[in-house]
Amino acid sequence: MVIENFSRKVISSGVFNSFIATGFFATLIFFIFNSHLFTPFEMMFGIVLVTIALKGISNIMFSLIILLFDLKGDRDAHHFKVAEDKLGLLIHEMQMKEAKAKSSSFAKEHNK
């Protein structure tokens, strides 16, 4: 849960998309300035391959960020919240049982 929220925030920040877009346009500019050395097919092939490679590199970077980032504090806070919810549920169930026992004993006393 903690890692899912963290990864969702990292993806929605757009860092990786801007990395890929910057690499794409840098490659495009490179081929435009060196158009006398490459055929149009080589240019298209090079741009596509570089874009795919940058997407792979961004996925590796994303994996390393998740792997190396310390989420222990967030994980502990999440476990504390889950335990707090469970305790609240148990206390509520116990209060319901006590109220039910009191009402049944009250009903027995008045029926006599």
C-alpha atoms as a PDB file:
ATOM      1  CA  MET A   1       0.000   0.000   0.000  1.00  0.00           C
ATOM      2  CA  VAL A   2       2.758   2.452   0.936  1.00  0.00           C
ATOM      3  CA  ILE A   3       4.864   1.556  -2.092  1.00  0.00           C
ATOM      4  CA  GLU A   4       1.823   1.806  -4.368  1.00  0.00           C
ATOM      5  CA  ASN A   5       1.035   5.320  -3.129  1.00  0.00           C
ATOM      6  CA  PHE A   6       4.679   6.369  -3.455  1.00  0.00           C
ATOM      7  CA  SER A   7       5.020   4.966  -6.970  1.00  0.00           C
ATOM      8  CA  ARG A   8       1.734   6.597  -8.023  1.00  0.00           C
ATOM      9  CA  LYS A   9       3.066   9.972  -6.822  1.00  0.00           C
ATOM     10  CA  VAL A  10       6.378   9.493  -8.644  1.00  0.00           C
ATOM     11  CA  ILE A  11       4.655   8.535 -11.893  1.00  0.00           C
ATOM     12  CA  SER A  12       2.173  11.400 -11.686  1.00  0.00           C
ATOM     13  CA  SER A  13       4.989  13.908 -11.152  1.00  0.00           C
ATOM     14  CA  GLY A  14       5.909  13.543 -14.832  1.00  0.00           C
ATOM     15  CA  VAL A  15       9.672  13.352 -14.276  1.00  0.00           C
ATOM     16  CA  PHE A  16      10.082  10.269 -16.429  1.00  0.00           C
ATOM     17  CA  ASN A  17       7.896  11.569 -19.239  1.00  0.00           C
ATOM     18  CA  SER A  18       9.910  14.793 -19.374  1.00  0.00           C
ATOM     19  CA  PHE A  19      13.111  12.716 -19.414  1.00  0.00           C
ATOM     20  CA  ILE A  20      11.868  10.711 -22.396  1.00  0.00           C
ATOM     21  CA  ALA A  21      10.585  13.813 -24.208  1.00  0.00           C
ATOM     22  CA  THR A  22      13.880  15.650 -23.677  1.00  0.00           C
ATOM     23  CA  GLY A  23      15.824  12.681 -25.041  1.00  0.00           C
ATOM     24  CA  PHE A  24      13.467  12.387 -28.002  1.00  0.00           C
ATOM     25  CA  PHE A  25      13.863  16.027 -28.973  1.00  0.00           C
ATOM     26  CA  ALA A  26      17.636  15.949 -28.403  1.00  0.00           C
ATOM     27  CA  THR A  27      17.872  12.969 -30.745  1.00  0.00           C
ATOM     28  CA  LEU A  28      15.650  14.722 -33.271  1.00  0.00           C
ATOM     29  CA  ILE A  29      17.831  17.832 -33.188  1.00  0.00           C
ATOM     30  CA  PHE A  30      20.955  15.679 -33.519  1.00  0.00           C
ATOM     31  CA  PHE A  31      19.604  14.045 -36.671  1.00  0.00           C
ATOM     32  CA  ILE A  32      18.448  17.378 -38.094  1.00  0.00           C
ATOM     33  CA  PHE A  33      21.898  18.918 -37.693  1.00  0.00           C
ATOM     34  CA  ASN A  34      23.548  15.817 -39.135  1.00  0.00           C
ATOM     35  CA  SER A  35      20.988  15.175 -41.883  1.00  0.00           C
ATOM     36  CA  HIS A  36      23.685  15.126 -44.549  1.00  0.00           C
ATOM     37  CA  LEU A  37      25.162  11.980 -42.902  1.00  0.00           C
ATOM     38  CA  PHE A  38      21.947   9.920 -42.494  1.00  0.00           C
ATOM     39  CA  THR A  39      19.116   8.806 -44.750  1.00  0.00           C
ATOM     40  CA  PRO A  40      15.531   9.507 -43.640  1.00  0.00           C
ATOM     41  CA  PHE A  41      15.037   5.822 -42.841  1.00  0.00           C
ATOM     42  CA  GLU A  42      18.135   5.813 -40.605  1.00  0.00           C
ATOM     43  CA  MET A  43      16.888   8.946 -38.873  1.00  0.00           C
ATOM     44  CA  MET A  44      13.471   7.473 -38.129  1.00  0.00           C
ATOM     45  CA  PHE A  45      15.000   4.186 -37.035  1.00  0.00           C
ATOM     46  CA  GLY A  46      17.480   5.990 -34.763  1.00  0.00           C
ATOM     47  CA  ILE A  47      14.802   8.209 -33.202  1.00  0.00           C
ATOM     48  CA  VAL A  48      12.544   5.224 -32.493  1.00  0.00           C
ATOM     49  CA  LEU A  49      15.378   3.141 -31.015  1.00  0.00           C
ATOM     50  CA  VAL A  50      16.619   5.984 -28.814  1.00  0.00           C
ATOM     51  CA  THR A  51      13.087   6.668 -27.562  1.00  0.00           C
ATOM     52  CA  ILE A  52      12.577   2.989 -26.707  1.00  0.00           C
ATOM     53  CA  ALA A  53      15.964   2.879 -24.978  1.00  0.00           C
ATOM     54  CA  LEU A  54      15.105   6.000 -22.947  1.00  0.00           C
ATOM     55  CA  LYS A  55      11.798   4.439 -21.909  1.00  0.00           C
ATOM     56  CA  GLY A  56      13.696   1.357 -20.710  1.00  0.00           C
ATOM     57  CA  ILE A  57      16.213   3.497 -18.839  1.00  0.00           C
ATOM     58  CA  SER A  58      13.406   5.463 -17.181  1.00  0.00           C
ATOM     59  CA  ASN A  59      11.770   2.207 -16.044  1.00  0.00           C
ATOM     60  CA  ILE A  60      15.085   1.060 -14.562  1.00  0.00           C
ATOM     61  CA  MET A  61      15.468   4.424 -12.807  1.00  0.00           C
ATOM     62  CA  PHE A  62      11.926   4.122 -11.452  1.00  0.00           C
ATOM     63  CA  SER A  63      12.660   0.636 -10.120  1.00  0.00           C
ATOM     64  CA  LEU A  64      15.850   1.828  -8.453  1.00  0.00           C
ATOM     65  CA  ILE A  65      14.084   4.799  -6.865  1.00  0.00           C
ATOM     66  CA  ILE A  66      11.477   2.515  -5.344  1.00  0.00           C
ATOM     67  CA  LEU A  67      14.113  -0.026  -4.290  1.00  0.00           C
ATOM     68  CA  LEU A  68      16.537   2.445  -2.723  1.00  0.00           C
ATOM     69  CA  PHE A  69      14.085   4.936  -1.209  1.00  0.00           C
ATOM     70  CA  ASP A  70      13.499   4.396   2.517  1.00  0.00           C
ATOM     71  CA  LEU A  71       9.778   3.972   3.178  1.00  0.00           C
ATOM     72  CA  LYS A  72      10.146   2.543   6.699  1.00  0.00           C
ATOM     73  CA  GLY A  73       8.536   5.563   8.372  1.00  0.00           C
ATOM     74  CA  ASP A  74       5.547   5.502   6.042  1.00  0.00           C
ATOM     75  CA  ARG A  75       5.248   1.743   6.424  1.00  0.00           C
ATOM     76  CA  ASP A  76       5.296   2.026  10.229  1.00  0.00           C
ATOM     77  CA  ALA A  77       2.655   4.756  10.112  1.00  0.00           C
ATOM     78  CA  HIS A  78       0.495   2.565   7.884  1.00  0.00           C
ATOM     79  CA  HIS A  79       0.857  -0.440  10.231  1.00  0.00           C
ATOM     80  CA  PHE A  80       0.017   1.789  13.203  1.00  0.00           C
ATOM     81  CA  LYS A  81      -3.118   3.038  11.454  1.00  0.00           C
ATOM     82  CA  VAL A  82      -4.212  -0.519  10.619  1.00  0.00           C
ATOM     83  CA  ALA A  83      -3.636  -1.634  14.219  1.00  0.00           C
ATOM     84  CA  GLU A  84      -5.529   1.420  15.481  1.00  0.00           C
ATOM     85  CA  ASP A  85      -8.475   0.582  13.231  1.00  0.00           C
ATOM     86  CA  LYS A  86      -8.492  -3.031  14.454  1.00  0.00           C
ATOM     87  CA  LEU A  87      -8.414  -1.911  18.093  1.00  0.00           C
ATOM     88  CA  GLY A  88     -11.234   0.541  17.458  1.00  0.00           C
ATOM     89  CA  LEU A  89     -13.295  -2.231  15.900  1.00  0.00           C
ATOM     90  CA  LEU A  90     -12.642  -4.566  18.832  1.00  0.00           C
ATOM     91  CA  ILE A  91     -13.587  -1.864  21.359  1.00  0.00           C
ATOM     92  CA  HIS A  92     -16.756  -1.109  19.426  1.00  0.00           C
ATOM     93  CA  GLU A  93     -17.697  -4.815  19.355  1.00  0.00           C
ATOM     94  CA  MET A  94     -17.035  -5.087  23.097  1.00  0.00           C
ATOM     95  CA  GLN A  95     -19.230  -2.048  23.791  1.00  0.00           C
ATOM     96  CA  MET A  96     -21.999  -3.561  21.666  1.00  0.00           C
ATOM     97  CA  LYS A  97     -21.803  -6.838  23.610  1.00  0.00           C
ATOM     98  CA  GLU A  98     -21.893  -4.971  26.945  1.00  0.00           C
ATOM     99  CA  ALA A  99     -24.874  -2.914  25.843  1.00  0.00           C
ATOM    100  CA  LYS A 100     -26.655  -6.045  24.641  1.00  0.00           C
ATOM    101  CA  ALA A 101     -25.931  -7.810  27.953  1.00  0.00           C
ATOM    102  CA  LYS A 102     -27.170  -4.793  29.945  1.00  0.00           C
ATOM    103  CA  SER A 103     -30.343  -4.535  27.907  1.00  0.00           C
ATOM    104  CA  SER A 104     -31.076  -8.248  28.246  1.00  0.00           C
ATOM    105  CA  SER A 105     -30.465  -8.136  32.027  1.00  0.00           C
ATOM    106  CA  PHE A 106     -32.609  -4.987  32.263  1.00  0.00           C
ATOM    107  CA  ALA A 107     -35.383  -6.723  30.317  1.00  0.00           C
ATOM    108  CA  LYS A 108     -35.160  -9.807  32.598  1.00  0.00           C
ATOM    109  CA  GLU A 109     -35.448  -7.635  35.721  1.00  0.00           C
ATOM    110  CA  HIS A 110     -38.523  -5.790  34.466  1.00  0.00           C
ATOM    111  CA  ASN A 111     -40.257  -8.927  33.230  1.00  0.00           C
ATOM    112  CA  LYS A 112     -40.166 -10.529  36.725  1.00  0.00           C
END
